[in-house]
C-alpha atoms as a PDB file:
ATOM      1  CA  MET A   1      17.830 -53.260 -27.738  1.00  0.00           C
ATOM      2  CA  ALA A   2      15.842 -50.155 -28.736  1.00  0.00           C
ATOM      3  CA  ILE A   3      14.623 -49.802 -25.141  1.00  0.00           C
ATOM      4  CA  ALA A   4      18.209 -49.892 -23.842  1.00  0.00           C
ATOM      5  CA  LYS A   5      19.260 -47.116 -26.273  1.00  0.00           C
ATOM      6  CA  PHE A   6      16.260 -45.017 -25.282  1.00  0.00           C
ATOM      7  CA  ALA A   7      16.994 -45.511 -21.572  1.00  0.00           C
ATOM      8  CA  GLY A   8      20.618 -44.545 -22.181  1.00  0.00           C
ATOM      9  CA  ARG A   9      19.570 -41.333 -23.927  1.00  0.00           C
ATOM     10  CA  ILE A  10      17.175 -40.426 -21.116  1.00  0.00           C
ATOM     11  CA  GLY A  11      19.890 -41.141 -18.538  1.00  0.00           C
ATOM     12  CA  ALA A  12      22.346 -38.922 -20.409  1.00  0.00           C
ATOM     13  CA  ALA A  13      19.756 -36.151 -20.710  1.00  0.00           C
ATOM     14  CA  VAL A  14      18.947 -36.304 -16.998  1.00  0.00           C
ATOM     15  CA  LEU A  15      22.646 -36.263 -16.105  1.00  0.00           C
ATOM     16  CA  THR A  16      23.172 -33.244 -18.371  1.00  0.00           C
ATOM     17  CA  LEU A  17      20.293 -31.403 -16.701  1.00  0.00           C
ATOM     18  CA  LEU A  18      21.684 -32.156 -13.266  1.00  0.00           C
ATOM     19  CA  VAL A  19      25.151 -30.913 -14.179  1.00  0.00           C
ATOM     20  CA  VAL A  20      23.829 -27.759 -15.868  1.00  0.00           C
ATOM     21  CA  GLY A  21      21.529 -27.121 -12.887  1.00  0.00           C
ATOM     22  CA  ALA A  22      24.393 -27.464 -10.443  1.00  0.00           C
ATOM     23  CA  LEU A  23      26.549 -25.071 -12.451  1.00  0.00           C
ATOM     24  CA  ALA A  24      23.740 -22.545 -12.685  1.00  0.00           C
ATOM     25  CA  GLN A  25      23.323 -22.289  -8.905  1.00  0.00           C
ATOM     26  CA  PRO A  26      24.641 -19.004  -7.537  1.00  0.00           C
ATOM     27  CA  THR A  27      27.729 -19.338  -5.435  1.00  0.00           C
ATOM     28  CA  ARG A  28      27.227 -18.265  -1.865  1.00  0.00           C
ATOM     29  CA  ALA A  29      29.642 -15.807  -0.386  1.00  0.00           C
ATOM     30  CA  ASP A  30      31.130 -16.545   2.973  1.00  0.00           C
ATOM     31  CA  PRO A  31      29.193 -15.004   5.903  1.00  0.00           C
ATOM     32  CA  GLN A  32      31.796 -12.262   6.401  1.00  0.00           C
ATOM     33  CA  SER A  33      31.641 -11.064   2.790  1.00  0.00           C
ATOM     34  CA  ASP A  34      27.856 -11.164   2.762  1.00  0.00           C
ATOM     35  CA  HIS A  35      27.630  -9.153   5.999  1.00  0.00           C
ATOM     36  CA  LYS A  36      30.232  -6.654   4.815  1.00  0.00           C
ATOM     37  CA  ALA A  37      28.334  -6.018   1.570  1.00  0.00           C
ATOM     38  CA  LYS A  38      25.040  -5.479   3.398  1.00  0.00           C
ATOM     39  CA  PHE A  39      26.714  -3.264   5.998  1.00  0.00           C
ATOM     40  CA  LYS A  40      28.327  -1.148   3.273  1.00  0.00           C
ATOM     41  CA  ASP A  41      25.022  -0.766   1.402  1.00  0.00           C
ATOM     42  CA  GLY A  42      23.275   0.254   4.628  1.00  0.00           C
ATOM     43  CA  CYS A  43      25.965   2.791   5.419  1.00  0.00           C
ATOM     44  CA  LYS A  44      25.736   4.380   1.984  1.00  0.00           C
ATOM     45  CA  SER A  45      21.929   4.425   2.017  1.00  0.00           C
ATOM     46  CA  SER A  46      21.962   6.286   5.354  1.00  0.00           C
ATOM     47  CA  ASN A  47      24.463   8.836   3.986  1.00  0.00           C
ATOM     48  CA  GLY A  48      27.216   7.617   6.300  1.00  0.00           C
ATOM     49  CA  SER A  49      30.880   7.584   5.358  1.00  0.00           C
ATOM     50  CA  TRP A  50      32.257   4.114   4.670  1.00  0.00           C
ATOM     51  CA  ILE A  51      35.856   3.345   5.658  1.00  0.00           C
ATOM     52  CA  GLU A  52      37.777   0.125   5.118  1.00  0.00           C
ATOM     53  CA  ASN A  53      40.670  -0.079   7.592  1.00  0.00           C
ATOM     54  CA  PRO A  54      44.096  -1.641   6.876  1.00  0.00           C
ATOM     55  CA  ASP A  55      43.580  -4.291   9.588  1.00  0.00           C
ATOM     56  CA  GLY A  56      40.540  -5.712   7.743  1.00  0.00           C
ATOM     57  CA  SER A  57      37.938  -4.012   9.910  1.00  0.00           C
ATOM     58  CA  TYR A  58      35.435  -1.622   8.365  1.00  0.00           C
ATOM     59  CA  GLN A  59      33.260   1.125   9.724  1.00  0.00           C
ATOM     60  CA  CYS A  60      30.471   3.529   9.017  1.00  0.00           C
ATOM     61  CA  ASN A  61      30.656   7.022  10.471  1.00  0.00           C
ATOM     62  CA  THR A  62      27.257   8.659  10.860  1.00  0.00           C
ATOM     63  CA  ARG A  63      26.495  12.321  10.348  1.00  0.00           C
ATOM     64  CA  SER A  64      25.878  12.652  14.086  1.00  0.00           C
ATOM     65  CA  GLY A  65      29.456  11.521  14.778  1.00  0.00           C
ATOM     66  CA  GLU A  66      28.717   7.960  15.872  1.00  0.00           C
ATOM     67  CA  THR A  67      30.726   5.035  14.535  1.00  0.00           C
ATOM     68  CA  ASN A  68      29.675   1.471  13.779  1.00  0.00           C
ATOM     69  CA  LEU A  69      32.755  -0.724  13.579  1.00  0.00           C
ATOM     70  CA  CYS A  70      32.810  -4.306  12.300  1.00  0.00           C
ATOM     71  CA  PHE A  71      35.736  -6.687  12.101  1.00  0.00           C
ATOM     72  CA  LYS A  72      37.144  -9.014   9.461  1.00  0.00           C
ATOM     73  CA  ASP A  73      35.667 -11.925  11.439  1.00  0.00           C
ATOM     74  CA  THR A  74      32.169 -10.400  11.728  1.00  0.00           C
ATOM     75  CA  PRO A  75      30.096 -12.541  11.970  1.00  0.00           C
ATOM     76  CA  PRO A  76      30.434 -14.253  14.466  1.00  0.00           C
ATOM     77  CA  LYS A  77      32.293 -11.433  16.229  1.00  0.00           C
ATOM     78  CA  PRO A  78      29.758  -8.647  16.828  1.00  0.00           C
ATOM     79  CA  CYS A  79      30.132  -5.126  15.531  1.00  0.00           C
ATOM     80  CA  VAL A  80      30.706  -2.273  17.990  1.00  0.00           C
ATOM     81  CA  HIS A  81      28.686   0.928  18.187  1.00  0.00           C
ATOM     82  CA  LYS A  82      30.603   3.929  19.504  1.00  0.00           C
ATOM     83  CA  LYS A  83      28.750   7.059  20.619  1.00  0.00           C
ATOM     84  CA  LEU A  84      30.441  10.393  21.139  1.00  0.00           C
END
């Protein structure tokens, strides 16, 4: 009987650890949000101007006048680089 109680306590402790571990895992953003965040950080770090367009696309305008345009479904749709 004592062994059964001990096994029950260990089982409950293991289950608690599993649940707490699962809750502590960081949630992963969807690929589009992750890409957009990295793109925005890269734009700012290169002193570009970041613009979020009403249609869901977003772009970075460089100091040299070039534009990198990404879309709300990037990835998988590739971004476009426009030169002057």
